[in-house]
Structures are given as structure tokens and as C-alpha cells.
Amino acid sequence: MREPWIYVGRLWTNGDLFLAVDAELRGAWHGFSDDEYQQIIPLGWQVTSIPVGTGRALLVGADGVVRDDSWMEVFQSQAGGVAIVQASGPDYREALARALAYQIADDQDGDELEISSGEIAIFSAADDGTGPYSGPWVRARPGPVPAVHGRPSREADPGLLISALHTGYKLKVRGTPSSMRTPASRGGCWFRCRPGTERRS
């Protein structure tokens, strides 16, 4: 890998969009109780962020061609970047490693994310950010990269809280073209939040 990435957790998706937002703003999102999730479903792929409270949240979505229902693996670099990777293939760890090794210059640019609380919250946009209609939360912590994709958990799917080393991040998006996928060795879809410009770090 060109950049040392540390595995810190995973998120289960049934095809729902996810939000990455400053943790202190998550209570302003009411994806379930106020049907705010329905408002973002029609948005095109060009839209990479939405207003949440006094700030903005990045939109993160899985690729159904890779997997319909899927784990999205979350990594953090020593420099403070965050990567969310959805992958498939006979060697799961190798597929994840290949995704992370791609040059950042080849990714598509997305919007910026401001973090003032010191934590990034990543969770299903179909849920509320807090309260009775929010899912549980777990804190990111280093661990071994999963050897296989595996089945979903039988527990409620948690959101992830990640310590932010910067106050500004830039979304980078990449997906393997469908023409490069084969039934035996499918590609991947991944999202990287890179530290922002000097004035924001």
C-alpha cells in the first residue's frame, strides 16, 4: 500500500446511503422520524453532500454491482485520512488492499467536510442521528482486517465514531468500472476523506 492504512471498523448496508458528519451535528438529522431520508433518495450521483443542522454531511453510498447487501470496511491512515471500502473477490483482504493502494489522484473529487467537535460520525441516513430512532454507536478502534466478507451481524447495525485529526476533509470517490468486473473477481467502490487544505487543517 502506498499509504499505511489501519483497519478501524465496519458498517453494514442494505443499499442505504450513509452520512459522514461532524458528530455534534448528528442530532440534527431525522432520516426516520421526519422522513428526511426520502428527500435524498432522488439525488443524483453528482451530489456528494447535504445540509445538516448548521453544517453539511457527506453522502456515502454502496455499489449494488459489487454486492447488494454488504459490509463497508473503514480504515484510517496515520495522516488522518479515512477510507470506506466496499469490495468483493475470492481473496477479500487482497481486494481491500488493492482498493486502498490506488493513487488518490485517480479519484473523483467530492465536497468538503468541516469537523469542529473532533469526531466524525458515519451512519445510515435512513436512521435518526440520535434519539429512539437512531441506531447504536461504536467507537472506531484498530483491529485485524477481516479475512472474509462474512454474514451480517444479528445485532442492530451501529454507526461509527472516528477521532478526527483535522478540522477539514475532502471527499474522494472511486469505483471500478463495471467493464472490469467479472463474476469471479468483482471490483470495488470506495470513498476516501482526505485532510483538507492548509487553512482548514
N, C-alpha and C. Protein backbone atom coordinates (compact mmCIF):
# COMPACT_ATOMS: atom_id res chain seq x y z
N MET A 1 0.85 -1.19 0.00
CA MET A 1 0.00 0.00 0.00
C MET A 1 0.89 1.25 0.00
N ARG A 2 0.47 2.27 -0.74
CA ARG A 2 1.25 3.48 -0.81
C ARG A 2 1.12 4.32 0.45
N GLU A 3 0.08 4.12 1.19
CA GLU A 3 -0.13 4.85 2.44
C GLU A 3 -0.54 3.84 3.50
N PRO A 4 0.08 3.91 4.69
CA PRO A 4 -0.28 2.92 5.72
C PRO A 4 -1.70 3.17 6.25
N TRP A 5 -2.58 2.21 6.02
CA TRP A 5 -3.96 2.31 6.48
C TRP A 5 -4.18 1.33 7.63
N ILE A 6 -4.92 1.78 8.63
CA ILE A 6 -5.23 0.97 9.80
C ILE A 6 -6.72 0.66 9.80
N TYR A 7 -7.06 -0.61 9.92
CA TYR A 7 -8.46 -1.01 9.94
C TYR A 7 -9.09 -0.62 11.28
N VAL A 8 -10.27 0.06 11.23
CA VAL A 8 -10.88 0.56 12.47
C VAL A 8 -12.34 0.17 12.65
N GLY A 9 -12.96 -0.53 11.69
CA GLY A 9 -14.35 -0.92 11.89
C GLY A 9 -15.06 -1.20 10.58
N ARG A 10 -16.34 -1.56 10.71
CA ARG A 10 -17.12 -1.87 9.51
C ARG A 10 -18.56 -1.42 9.69
N LEU A 11 -19.23 -1.18 8.56
CA LEU A 11 -20.60 -0.71 8.53
C LEU A 11 -21.40 -1.62 7.60
N TRP A 12 -22.57 -2.05 8.02
CA TRP A 12 -23.41 -2.89 7.18
C TRP A 12 -24.41 -2.03 6.44
N THR A 13 -24.55 -2.26 5.12
CA THR A 13 -25.51 -1.51 4.33
C THR A 13 -26.43 -2.46 3.58
N ASN A 14 -27.70 -2.12 3.54
CA ASN A 14 -28.68 -2.81 2.72
C ASN A 14 -28.94 -2.02 1.45
N GLY A 15 -27.98 -1.19 1.07
CA GLY A 15 -28.14 -0.33 -0.09
C GLY A 15 -28.48 1.10 0.29
N ASP A 16 -28.66 1.37 1.59
CA ASP A 16 -28.98 2.72 2.05
C ASP A 16 -27.77 3.64 1.89
N LEU A 17 -28.05 4.92 1.71
CA LEU A 17 -27.00 5.92 1.77
C LEU A 17 -26.55 6.11 3.20
N PHE A 18 -25.29 6.49 3.37
CA PHE A 18 -24.75 6.79 4.69
C PHE A 18 -24.33 8.26 4.72
N LEU A 19 -24.30 8.82 5.93
CA LEU A 19 -23.82 10.18 6.14
C LEU A 19 -22.51 10.15 6.91
N ALA A 20 -21.60 11.02 6.55
CA ALA A 20 -20.40 11.30 7.33
C ALA A 20 -20.50 12.77 7.74
N VAL A 21 -20.56 13.02 9.03
CA VAL A 21 -20.86 14.36 9.51
C VAL A 21 -20.13 14.62 10.82
N ASP A 22 -19.94 15.88 11.16
CA ASP A 22 -19.40 16.24 12.46
C ASP A 22 -20.31 15.61 13.53
N ALA A 23 -19.72 14.91 14.48
CA ALA A 23 -20.50 14.15 15.46
C ALA A 23 -21.47 15.02 16.24
N GLU A 24 -21.11 16.27 16.47
CA GLU A 24 -22.01 17.11 17.27
C GLU A 24 -23.24 17.57 16.47
N LEU A 25 -23.25 17.35 15.16
CA LEU A 25 -24.39 17.74 14.33
C LEU A 25 -25.33 16.57 14.03
N ARG A 26 -24.96 15.36 14.45
CA ARG A 26 -25.77 14.20 14.06
C ARG A 26 -27.20 14.27 14.60
N GLY A 27 -27.39 14.96 15.73
CA GLY A 27 -28.74 15.09 16.29
C GLY A 27 -29.67 15.91 15.43
N ALA A 28 -29.12 16.66 14.46
CA ALA A 28 -29.95 17.48 13.58
C ALA A 28 -30.50 16.68 12.41
N TRP A 29 -30.08 15.41 12.28
CA TRP A 29 -30.56 14.60 11.17
C TRP A 29 -31.68 13.68 11.62
N HIS A 30 -32.83 13.73 10.92
CA HIS A 30 -34.00 12.92 11.27
C HIS A 30 -34.42 12.10 10.06
N GLY A 31 -33.54 11.18 9.68
CA GLY A 31 -33.78 10.38 8.50
C GLY A 31 -35.03 9.52 8.59
N PHE A 32 -35.34 9.05 9.82
CA PHE A 32 -36.51 8.19 10.02
C PHE A 32 -37.71 8.98 10.52
N SER A 33 -37.55 9.72 11.61
CA SER A 33 -38.71 10.35 12.26
C SER A 33 -39.34 11.45 11.42
N ASP A 34 -38.56 12.17 10.62
CA ASP A 34 -39.10 13.23 9.76
C ASP A 34 -39.01 12.89 8.28
N ASP A 35 -38.72 11.63 7.97
CA ASP A 35 -38.63 11.18 6.57
C ASP A 35 -37.62 11.97 5.75
N GLU A 36 -36.58 12.48 6.40
CA GLU A 36 -35.58 13.23 5.64
C GLU A 36 -34.82 12.34 4.66
N TYR A 37 -34.78 11.04 4.97
CA TYR A 37 -34.09 10.13 4.06
C TYR A 37 -34.75 10.11 2.68
N GLN A 38 -36.07 10.21 2.66
CA GLN A 38 -36.79 10.18 1.39
C GLN A 38 -36.41 11.35 0.49
N GLN A 39 -35.96 12.44 1.11
CA GLN A 39 -35.61 13.63 0.34
C GLN A 39 -34.28 13.47 -0.39
N ILE A 40 -33.42 12.57 0.09
CA ILE A 40 -32.11 12.44 -0.56
C ILE A 40 -32.04 11.26 -1.53
N ILE A 41 -33.02 10.37 -1.49
CA ILE A 41 -33.01 9.22 -2.40
C ILE A 41 -32.97 9.64 -3.87
N PRO A 42 -33.73 10.68 -4.28
CA PRO A 42 -33.72 11.03 -5.71
C PRO A 42 -32.45 11.76 -6.17
N LEU A 43 -31.56 12.14 -5.25
CA LEU A 43 -30.40 12.93 -5.63
C LEU A 43 -29.48 12.13 -6.55
N GLY A 44 -28.93 12.78 -7.54
CA GLY A 44 -28.01 12.13 -8.47
C GLY A 44 -26.64 11.90 -7.84
N TRP A 45 -25.83 11.10 -8.54
CA TRP A 45 -24.51 10.75 -8.00
C TRP A 45 -23.60 11.97 -7.92
N GLN A 46 -23.94 13.04 -8.65
CA GLN A 46 -23.09 14.23 -8.62
C GLN A 46 -23.19 14.97 -7.29
N VAL A 47 -24.28 14.72 -6.53
CA VAL A 47 -24.47 15.39 -5.23
C VAL A 47 -23.71 14.59 -4.17
N THR A 48 -22.73 15.20 -3.54
CA THR A 48 -21.90 14.47 -2.57
C THR A 48 -22.03 15.01 -1.15
N SER A 49 -22.87 16.01 -0.94
CA SER A 49 -23.11 16.48 0.43
C SER A 49 -24.47 17.14 0.53
N ILE A 50 -25.00 17.21 1.75
CA ILE A 50 -26.29 17.84 2.01
C ILE A 50 -26.20 18.65 3.29
N PRO A 51 -27.07 19.65 3.48
CA PRO A 51 -27.08 20.40 4.74
C PRO A 51 -27.59 19.54 5.89
N VAL A 52 -26.92 19.64 7.02
CA VAL A 52 -27.38 19.01 8.26
C VAL A 52 -27.13 20.00 9.39
N GLY A 53 -28.20 20.48 9.98
CA GLY A 53 -28.05 21.48 11.03
C GLY A 53 -27.34 22.72 10.50
N THR A 54 -26.30 23.15 11.21
CA THR A 54 -25.54 24.34 10.81
C THR A 54 -24.36 23.99 9.91
N GLY A 55 -24.24 22.72 9.53
CA GLY A 55 -23.12 22.31 8.70
C GLY A 55 -23.58 21.46 7.53
N ARG A 56 -22.69 20.62 7.05
CA ARG A 56 -23.00 19.73 5.93
C ARG A 56 -22.51 18.33 6.25
N ALA A 57 -23.14 17.36 5.62
CA ALA A 57 -22.75 15.96 5.75
C ALA A 57 -22.40 15.43 4.38
N LEU A 58 -21.37 14.59 4.32
CA LEU A 58 -21.02 13.93 3.07
C LEU A 58 -21.93 12.73 2.87
N LEU A 59 -22.29 12.46 1.61
CA LEU A 59 -23.09 11.29 1.26
C LEU A 59 -22.17 10.15 0.83
N VAL A 60 -22.38 8.99 1.41
CA VAL A 60 -21.59 7.80 1.08
C VAL A 60 -22.56 6.69 0.71
N GLY A 61 -22.39 6.10 -0.46
CA GLY A 61 -23.29 5.05 -0.90
C GLY A 61 -22.55 3.84 -1.42
N ALA A 62 -23.15 2.66 -1.25
CA ALA A 62 -22.55 1.43 -1.75
C ALA A 62 -22.90 1.23 -3.22
N ASP A 63 -22.23 0.28 -3.86
CA ASP A 63 -22.44 -0.05 -5.26
C ASP A 63 -23.08 -1.44 -5.33
N GLY A 64 -24.32 -1.50 -5.80
CA GLY A 64 -25.03 -2.78 -5.85
C GLY A 64 -24.42 -3.78 -6.80
N VAL A 65 -23.59 -3.32 -7.75
CA VAL A 65 -22.94 -4.25 -8.66
C VAL A 65 -21.87 -5.05 -7.93
N VAL A 66 -21.21 -4.41 -6.96
CA VAL A 66 -20.21 -5.11 -6.15
C VAL A 66 -20.91 -6.12 -5.25
N ARG A 67 -21.85 -5.66 -4.47
CA ARG A 67 -22.70 -6.50 -3.62
C ARG A 67 -24.00 -5.76 -3.37
N ASP A 68 -25.12 -6.48 -3.27
CA ASP A 68 -26.39 -5.83 -2.93
C ASP A 68 -26.40 -5.41 -1.46
N ASP A 69 -26.29 -6.37 -0.57
CA ASP A 69 -26.18 -6.11 0.86
C ASP A 69 -24.73 -6.38 1.23
N SER A 70 -24.11 -5.48 1.97
CA SER A 70 -22.66 -5.55 2.04
C SER A 70 -22.09 -4.89 3.29
N TRP A 71 -20.92 -5.40 3.69
CA TRP A 71 -20.10 -4.68 4.65
C TRP A 71 -19.31 -3.60 3.91
N MET A 72 -19.18 -2.45 4.53
CA MET A 72 -18.25 -1.42 4.07
C MET A 72 -17.18 -1.32 5.15
N GLU A 73 -15.93 -1.59 4.77
CA GLU A 73 -14.83 -1.62 5.72
C GLU A 73 -14.24 -0.22 5.86
N VAL A 74 -13.91 0.17 7.08
CA VAL A 74 -13.45 1.52 7.36
C VAL A 74 -12.00 1.48 7.83
N PHE A 75 -11.18 2.35 7.23
CA PHE A 75 -9.76 2.44 7.55
C PHE A 75 -9.42 3.89 7.87
N GLN A 76 -8.37 4.07 8.67
CA GLN A 76 -7.86 5.41 8.95
C GLN A 76 -6.35 5.39 8.75
N SER A 77 -5.83 6.43 8.11
CA SER A 77 -4.39 6.49 7.87
C SER A 77 -3.70 7.23 9.00
N GLN A 78 -2.40 7.07 9.09
CA GLN A 78 -1.63 7.76 10.11
C GLN A 78 -1.67 9.27 9.92
N ALA A 79 -1.93 9.69 8.67
CA ALA A 79 -2.02 11.12 8.37
C ALA A 79 -3.40 11.69 8.70
N GLY A 80 -4.35 10.81 9.08
CA GLY A 80 -5.67 11.28 9.47
C GLY A 80 -6.75 11.08 8.43
N GLY A 81 -6.41 10.54 7.26
CA GLY A 81 -7.42 10.27 6.26
C GLY A 81 -8.32 9.12 6.67
N VAL A 82 -9.51 9.07 6.10
CA VAL A 82 -10.47 7.99 6.37
C VAL A 82 -10.88 7.39 5.04
N ALA A 83 -10.90 6.06 4.95
CA ALA A 83 -11.33 5.36 3.74
C ALA A 83 -12.45 4.40 4.08
N ILE A 84 -13.50 4.40 3.28
CA ILE A 84 -14.62 3.47 3.41
C ILE A 84 -14.63 2.62 2.14
N VAL A 85 -14.42 1.33 2.27
CA VAL A 85 -14.20 0.47 1.12
C VAL A 85 -15.25 -0.64 1.07
N GLN A 86 -15.88 -0.80 -0.08
CA GLN A 86 -16.77 -1.93 -0.36
C GLN A 86 -16.09 -2.75 -1.43
N ALA A 87 -15.87 -4.03 -1.19
CA ALA A 87 -15.11 -4.85 -2.14
C ALA A 87 -15.66 -6.26 -2.18
N SER A 88 -15.29 -6.97 -3.22
CA SER A 88 -15.68 -8.35 -3.38
C SER A 88 -14.61 -9.07 -4.18
N GLY A 89 -14.44 -10.35 -3.92
CA GLY A 89 -13.45 -11.13 -4.66
C GLY A 89 -13.08 -12.38 -3.90
N PRO A 90 -12.40 -13.32 -4.57
CA PRO A 90 -12.04 -14.58 -3.91
C PRO A 90 -11.07 -14.38 -2.75
N ASP A 91 -10.23 -13.35 -2.81
CA ASP A 91 -9.32 -13.01 -1.71
C ASP A 91 -9.74 -11.65 -1.20
N TYR A 92 -10.54 -11.65 -0.13
CA TYR A 92 -11.16 -10.42 0.35
C TYR A 92 -10.11 -9.40 0.82
N ARG A 93 -9.13 -9.85 1.58
CA ARG A 93 -8.11 -8.93 2.06
C ARG A 93 -7.32 -8.31 0.90
N GLU A 94 -7.04 -9.12 -0.12
CA GLU A 94 -6.31 -8.59 -1.27
C GLU A 94 -7.15 -7.54 -2.00
N ALA A 95 -8.45 -7.79 -2.12
CA ALA A 95 -9.33 -6.82 -2.78
C ALA A 95 -9.34 -5.50 -2.03
N LEU A 96 -9.38 -5.56 -0.71
CA LEU A 96 -9.35 -4.34 0.09
C LEU A 96 -8.02 -3.62 -0.07
N ALA A 97 -6.93 -4.38 -0.04
CA ALA A 97 -5.60 -3.79 -0.16
C ALA A 97 -5.42 -3.11 -1.52
N ARG A 98 -5.92 -3.75 -2.58
CA ARG A 98 -5.80 -3.16 -3.90
C ARG A 98 -6.59 -1.86 -4.00
N ALA A 99 -7.74 -1.83 -3.37
CA ALA A 99 -8.54 -0.60 -3.38
C ALA A 99 -7.79 0.54 -2.69
N LEU A 100 -7.21 0.27 -1.56
CA LEU A 100 -6.50 1.30 -0.80
C LEU A 100 -5.22 1.75 -1.49
N ALA A 101 -4.65 0.90 -2.33
CA ALA A 101 -3.37 1.20 -2.97
C ALA A 101 -3.51 2.10 -4.20
N TYR A 102 -4.73 2.32 -4.68
CA TYR A 102 -4.90 3.17 -5.85
C TYR A 102 -4.46 4.59 -5.54
N GLN A 103 -3.88 5.23 -6.54
CA GLN A 103 -3.42 6.61 -6.39
C GLN A 103 -4.61 7.53 -6.13
N ILE A 104 -4.46 8.43 -5.15
CA ILE A 104 -5.53 9.36 -4.81
C ILE A 104 -5.85 10.28 -5.98
N ALA A 105 -4.87 10.53 -6.85
CA ALA A 105 -5.08 11.43 -7.98
C ALA A 105 -6.11 10.89 -8.95
N ASP A 106 -6.34 9.58 -8.93
CA ASP A 106 -7.30 8.96 -9.85
C ASP A 106 -8.73 9.02 -9.33
N ASP A 107 -8.92 9.45 -8.09
CA ASP A 107 -10.26 9.52 -7.51
C ASP A 107 -11.02 10.74 -8.02
N GLN A 108 -12.34 10.67 -7.99
CA GLN A 108 -13.17 11.81 -8.32
C GLN A 108 -13.31 12.71 -7.10
N ASP A 109 -13.30 14.01 -7.32
CA ASP A 109 -13.43 14.96 -6.21
C ASP A 109 -14.88 15.08 -5.77
N GLY A 110 -15.07 15.14 -4.46
CA GLY A 110 -16.38 15.41 -3.89
C GLY A 110 -16.32 16.68 -3.06
N ASP A 111 -17.29 16.87 -2.19
CA ASP A 111 -17.36 18.09 -1.38
C ASP A 111 -16.47 18.00 -0.15
N GLU A 112 -16.44 19.09 0.60
CA GLU A 112 -15.61 19.17 1.80
C GLU A 112 -16.46 18.96 3.05
N LEU A 113 -15.80 18.52 4.10
CA LEU A 113 -16.45 18.25 5.39
C LEU A 113 -15.72 19.00 6.48
N GLU A 114 -16.44 19.80 7.24
CA GLU A 114 -15.85 20.53 8.36
C GLU A 114 -16.12 19.77 9.66
N ILE A 115 -15.10 19.65 10.49
CA ILE A 115 -15.21 18.96 11.78
C ILE A 115 -14.70 19.88 12.87
N SER A 116 -15.58 20.26 13.80
CA SER A 116 -15.17 21.12 14.91
C SER A 116 -15.19 20.38 16.25
N SER A 117 -15.89 19.24 16.30
CA SER A 117 -16.04 18.51 17.56
C SER A 117 -14.90 17.55 17.84
N GLY A 118 -14.08 17.26 16.81
CA GLY A 118 -13.01 16.29 16.97
C GLY A 118 -13.42 14.88 16.65
N GLU A 119 -14.68 14.66 16.21
CA GLU A 119 -15.15 13.33 15.86
C GLU A 119 -15.99 13.37 14.59
N ILE A 120 -15.81 12.32 13.76
CA ILE A 120 -16.64 12.12 12.58
C ILE A 120 -17.64 11.01 12.90
N ALA A 121 -18.91 11.26 12.62
CA ALA A 121 -19.95 10.25 12.80
C ALA A 121 -20.37 9.73 11.42
N ILE A 122 -20.34 8.40 11.25
CA ILE A 122 -20.75 7.78 9.98
C ILE A 122 -21.88 6.82 10.30
N PHE A 123 -23.03 7.00 9.65
CA PHE A 123 -24.20 6.18 9.99
C PHE A 123 -25.19 6.17 8.84
N SER A 124 -26.13 5.24 8.87
CA SER A 124 -27.14 5.12 7.84
C SER A 124 -28.04 6.35 7.84
N ALA A 125 -28.21 6.94 6.66
CA ALA A 125 -29.06 8.12 6.54
C ALA A 125 -30.53 7.77 6.73
N ALA A 126 -30.88 6.48 6.72
CA ALA A 126 -32.27 6.08 6.95
C ALA A 126 -32.64 6.18 8.42
N ASP A 127 -31.65 6.31 9.30
CA ASP A 127 -31.89 6.45 10.74
C ASP A 127 -31.81 7.91 11.16
N ASP A 128 -32.29 8.20 12.38
CA ASP A 128 -32.00 9.48 13.01
C ASP A 128 -30.57 9.46 13.53
N GLY A 129 -29.99 10.64 13.72
CA GLY A 129 -28.63 10.70 14.25
C GLY A 129 -28.56 10.41 15.74
N THR A 130 -29.60 10.76 16.48
CA THR A 130 -29.68 10.49 17.91
C THR A 130 -31.14 10.18 18.26
N GLY A 131 -31.36 9.74 19.50
CA GLY A 131 -32.72 9.51 19.97
C GLY A 131 -33.21 8.09 19.71
N PRO A 132 -34.52 7.86 19.94
CA PRO A 132 -35.07 6.50 19.87
C PRO A 132 -35.02 5.87 18.48
N TYR A 133 -34.89 6.68 17.44
CA TYR A 133 -34.85 6.14 16.07
C TYR A 133 -33.43 6.16 15.49
N SER A 134 -32.47 6.27 16.38
CA SER A 134 -31.08 6.17 15.98
C SER A 134 -30.57 4.76 16.26
N GLY A 135 -29.64 4.30 15.45
CA GLY A 135 -29.01 3.02 15.75
C GLY A 135 -27.99 3.18 16.87
N PRO A 136 -27.42 2.07 17.34
CA PRO A 136 -26.36 2.16 18.35
C PRO A 136 -25.09 2.75 17.74
N TRP A 137 -24.17 3.13 18.60
CA TRP A 137 -22.90 3.71 18.14
C TRP A 137 -21.74 2.94 18.75
N VAL A 138 -20.68 2.79 17.95
CA VAL A 138 -19.43 2.22 18.46
C VAL A 138 -18.30 3.15 18.06
N ARG A 139 -17.23 3.12 18.83
CA ARG A 139 -16.06 3.94 18.51
C ARG A 139 -15.08 3.13 17.68
N ALA A 140 -14.50 3.80 16.70
CA ALA A 140 -13.51 3.15 15.86
C ALA A 140 -12.30 2.74 16.71
N ARG A 141 -11.79 1.54 16.46
CA ARG A 141 -10.58 1.12 17.15
C ARG A 141 -9.82 0.15 16.24
N PRO A 142 -8.49 0.20 16.30
CA PRO A 142 -7.68 -0.65 15.42
C PRO A 142 -7.94 -2.13 15.66
N GLY A 143 -7.87 -2.90 14.58
CA GLY A 143 -8.08 -4.33 14.66
C GLY A 143 -7.62 -4.99 13.38
N PRO A 144 -7.69 -6.33 13.33
CA PRO A 144 -7.26 -7.05 12.13
C PRO A 144 -8.25 -6.86 10.97
N VAL A 145 -7.74 -6.80 9.77
CA VAL A 145 -8.58 -6.70 8.58
C VAL A 145 -9.34 -8.02 8.42
N PRO A 146 -10.66 -7.99 8.20
CA PRO A 146 -11.41 -9.25 8.03
C PRO A 146 -10.85 -10.09 6.89
N ALA A 147 -10.73 -11.39 7.12
CA ALA A 147 -10.21 -12.30 6.09
C ALA A 147 -11.27 -12.63 5.05
N VAL A 148 -12.54 -12.57 5.44
CA VAL A 148 -13.65 -12.84 4.53
C VAL A 148 -14.72 -11.78 4.74
N HIS A 149 -15.60 -11.65 3.75
CA HIS A 149 -16.66 -10.65 3.86
C HIS A 149 -17.59 -10.98 5.02
N GLY A 150 -18.03 -12.22 5.11
CA GLY A 150 -18.84 -12.66 6.24
C GLY A 150 -20.30 -12.23 6.15
N ARG A 151 -21.08 -12.80 7.04
CA ARG A 151 -22.52 -12.52 7.11
C ARG A 151 -22.79 -11.28 7.95
N PRO A 152 -23.97 -10.68 7.81
CA PRO A 152 -24.30 -9.54 8.67
C PRO A 152 -24.45 -9.97 10.12
N SER A 153 -24.27 -9.03 11.00
CA SER A 153 -24.47 -9.30 12.42
C SER A 153 -25.95 -9.49 12.71
N ARG A 154 -26.25 -10.24 13.75
CA ARG A 154 -27.65 -10.40 14.18
C ARG A 154 -28.09 -9.27 15.08
N GLU A 155 -27.15 -8.43 15.47
CA GLU A 155 -27.47 -7.29 16.31
C GLU A 155 -27.85 -6.09 15.44
N ALA A 156 -28.35 -5.02 16.10
CA ALA A 156 -28.65 -3.79 15.38
C ALA A 156 -27.35 -3.22 14.80
N ASP A 157 -27.44 -2.71 13.59
CA ASP A 157 -26.25 -2.21 12.90
C ASP A 157 -25.85 -0.85 13.47
N PRO A 158 -24.62 -0.73 14.01
CA PRO A 158 -24.21 0.52 14.64
C PRO A 158 -23.63 1.52 13.65
N GLY A 159 -23.66 2.79 14.04
CA GLY A 159 -22.88 3.81 13.36
C GLY A 159 -21.49 3.84 13.97
N LEU A 160 -20.59 4.56 13.34
CA LEU A 160 -19.19 4.56 13.76
C LEU A 160 -18.74 5.98 14.10
N LEU A 161 -18.07 6.13 15.23
CA LEU A 161 -17.48 7.40 15.65
C LEU A 161 -15.97 7.31 15.50
N ILE A 162 -15.39 8.23 14.73
CA ILE A 162 -13.97 8.20 14.42
C ILE A 162 -13.33 9.50 14.89
N SER A 163 -12.24 9.40 15.63
CA SER A 163 -11.50 10.58 16.06
C SER A 163 -10.92 11.28 14.83
N ALA A 164 -11.17 12.58 14.73
CA ALA A 164 -10.69 13.36 13.59
C ALA A 164 -9.39 14.06 13.96
N LEU A 165 -8.39 13.88 13.13
CA LEU A 165 -7.10 14.54 13.35
C LEU A 165 -7.03 15.91 12.69
N HIS A 166 -8.08 16.26 11.93
CA HIS A 166 -8.10 17.53 11.20
C HIS A 166 -9.49 18.15 11.32
N THR A 167 -9.58 19.43 11.01
CA THR A 167 -10.88 20.11 11.04
C THR A 167 -11.49 20.24 9.66
N GLY A 168 -10.77 19.83 8.63
CA GLY A 168 -11.29 19.89 7.27
C GLY A 168 -10.91 18.65 6.49
N TYR A 169 -11.87 18.08 5.77
CA TYR A 169 -11.64 16.90 4.96
C TYR A 169 -12.21 17.12 3.56
N LYS A 170 -11.64 16.43 2.59
CA LYS A 170 -12.10 16.49 1.21
C LYS A 170 -12.49 15.09 0.77
N LEU A 171 -13.73 14.94 0.27
CA LEU A 171 -14.20 13.65 -0.18
C LEU A 171 -13.59 13.28 -1.52
N LYS A 172 -13.09 12.05 -1.63
CA LYS A 172 -12.58 11.50 -2.88
C LYS A 172 -13.33 10.19 -3.12
N VAL A 173 -13.78 9.96 -4.35
CA VAL A 173 -14.63 8.81 -4.66
C VAL A 173 -14.02 8.04 -5.81
N ARG A 174 -14.07 6.70 -5.71
CA ARG A 174 -13.60 5.88 -6.82
C ARG A 174 -14.42 4.60 -6.89
N GLY A 175 -14.72 4.15 -8.10
CA GLY A 175 -15.38 2.87 -8.31
C GLY A 175 -14.75 2.17 -9.49
N THR A 176 -14.59 0.87 -9.39
CA THR A 176 -14.06 0.11 -10.51
C THR A 176 -15.10 0.06 -11.61
N PRO A 177 -14.75 0.41 -12.85
CA PRO A 177 -15.74 0.36 -13.95
C PRO A 177 -16.36 -1.02 -14.08
N SER A 178 -17.65 -1.06 -14.40
CA SER A 178 -18.35 -2.35 -14.49
C SER A 178 -17.73 -3.24 -15.56
N SER A 179 -17.10 -2.65 -16.58
CA SER A 179 -16.49 -3.44 -17.64
C SER A 179 -15.29 -4.23 -17.14
N MET A 180 -14.74 -3.85 -15.97
CA MET A 180 -13.58 -4.53 -15.42
C MET A 180 -13.97 -5.60 -14.40
N ARG A 181 -15.27 -5.70 -14.10
CA ARG A 181 -15.72 -6.67 -13.13
C ARG A 181 -16.03 -7.99 -13.80
N THR A 182 -15.76 -9.09 -13.12
CA THR A 182 -16.14 -10.42 -13.61
C THR A 182 -16.84 -11.13 -12.47
N PRO A 183 -17.67 -12.14 -12.75
CA PRO A 183 -18.35 -12.85 -11.67
C PRO A 183 -17.39 -13.43 -10.65
N ALA A 184 -16.19 -13.83 -11.08
CA ALA A 184 -15.26 -14.48 -10.16
C ALA A 184 -14.42 -13.48 -9.37
N SER A 185 -14.25 -12.29 -9.90
CA SER A 185 -13.38 -11.31 -9.24
C SER A 185 -13.94 -9.92 -9.45
N ARG A 186 -14.88 -9.56 -8.63
CA ARG A 186 -15.53 -8.26 -8.79
C ARG A 186 -14.65 -7.15 -8.25
N GLY A 187 -14.96 -5.97 -8.70
CA GLY A 187 -14.18 -4.81 -8.28
C GLY A 187 -14.66 -4.25 -6.96
N GLY A 188 -14.50 -2.93 -6.81
CA GLY A 188 -14.88 -2.33 -5.54
C GLY A 188 -15.34 -0.91 -5.74
N CYS A 189 -15.85 -0.36 -4.67
CA CYS A 189 -16.29 1.03 -4.64
C CYS A 189 -15.76 1.60 -3.33
N TRP A 190 -15.10 2.73 -3.38
CA TRP A 190 -14.57 3.25 -2.13
C TRP A 190 -14.58 4.76 -2.07
N PHE A 191 -14.57 5.25 -0.86
CA PHE A 191 -14.67 6.67 -0.56
C PHE A 191 -13.55 7.02 0.40
N ARG A 192 -12.82 8.08 0.09
CA ARG A 192 -11.72 8.48 0.96
C ARG A 192 -11.93 9.93 1.37
N CYS A 193 -11.83 10.20 2.64
CA CYS A 193 -11.86 11.57 3.14
C CYS A 193 -10.44 11.97 3.46
N ARG A 194 -9.90 12.87 2.68
CA ARG A 194 -8.53 13.31 2.86
C ARG A 194 -8.51 14.59 3.66
N PRO A 195 -7.44 14.82 4.44
CA PRO A 195 -7.32 16.12 5.12
C PRO A 195 -7.44 17.25 4.11
N GLY A 196 -8.09 18.35 4.52
CA GLY A 196 -8.31 19.47 3.62
C GLY A 196 -7.08 20.32 3.43
N THR A 197 -7.29 21.51 2.93
CA THR A 197 -6.18 22.40 2.64
C THR A 197 -5.55 22.93 3.92
N GLU A 198 -4.41 23.57 3.77
CA GLU A 198 -3.66 24.04 4.95
C GLU A 198 -4.49 24.95 5.84
N ARG A 199 -5.30 25.77 5.24
CA ARG A 199 -6.07 26.72 6.05
C ARG A 199 -7.13 26.02 6.88
N ARG A 200 -7.43 24.73 6.59
CA ARG A 200 -8.52 24.03 7.27
C ARG A 200 -8.02 22.91 8.18
N SER A 201 -6.73 22.67 8.21
CA SER A 201 -6.24 21.54 8.98
C SER A 201 -5.75 21.97 10.35
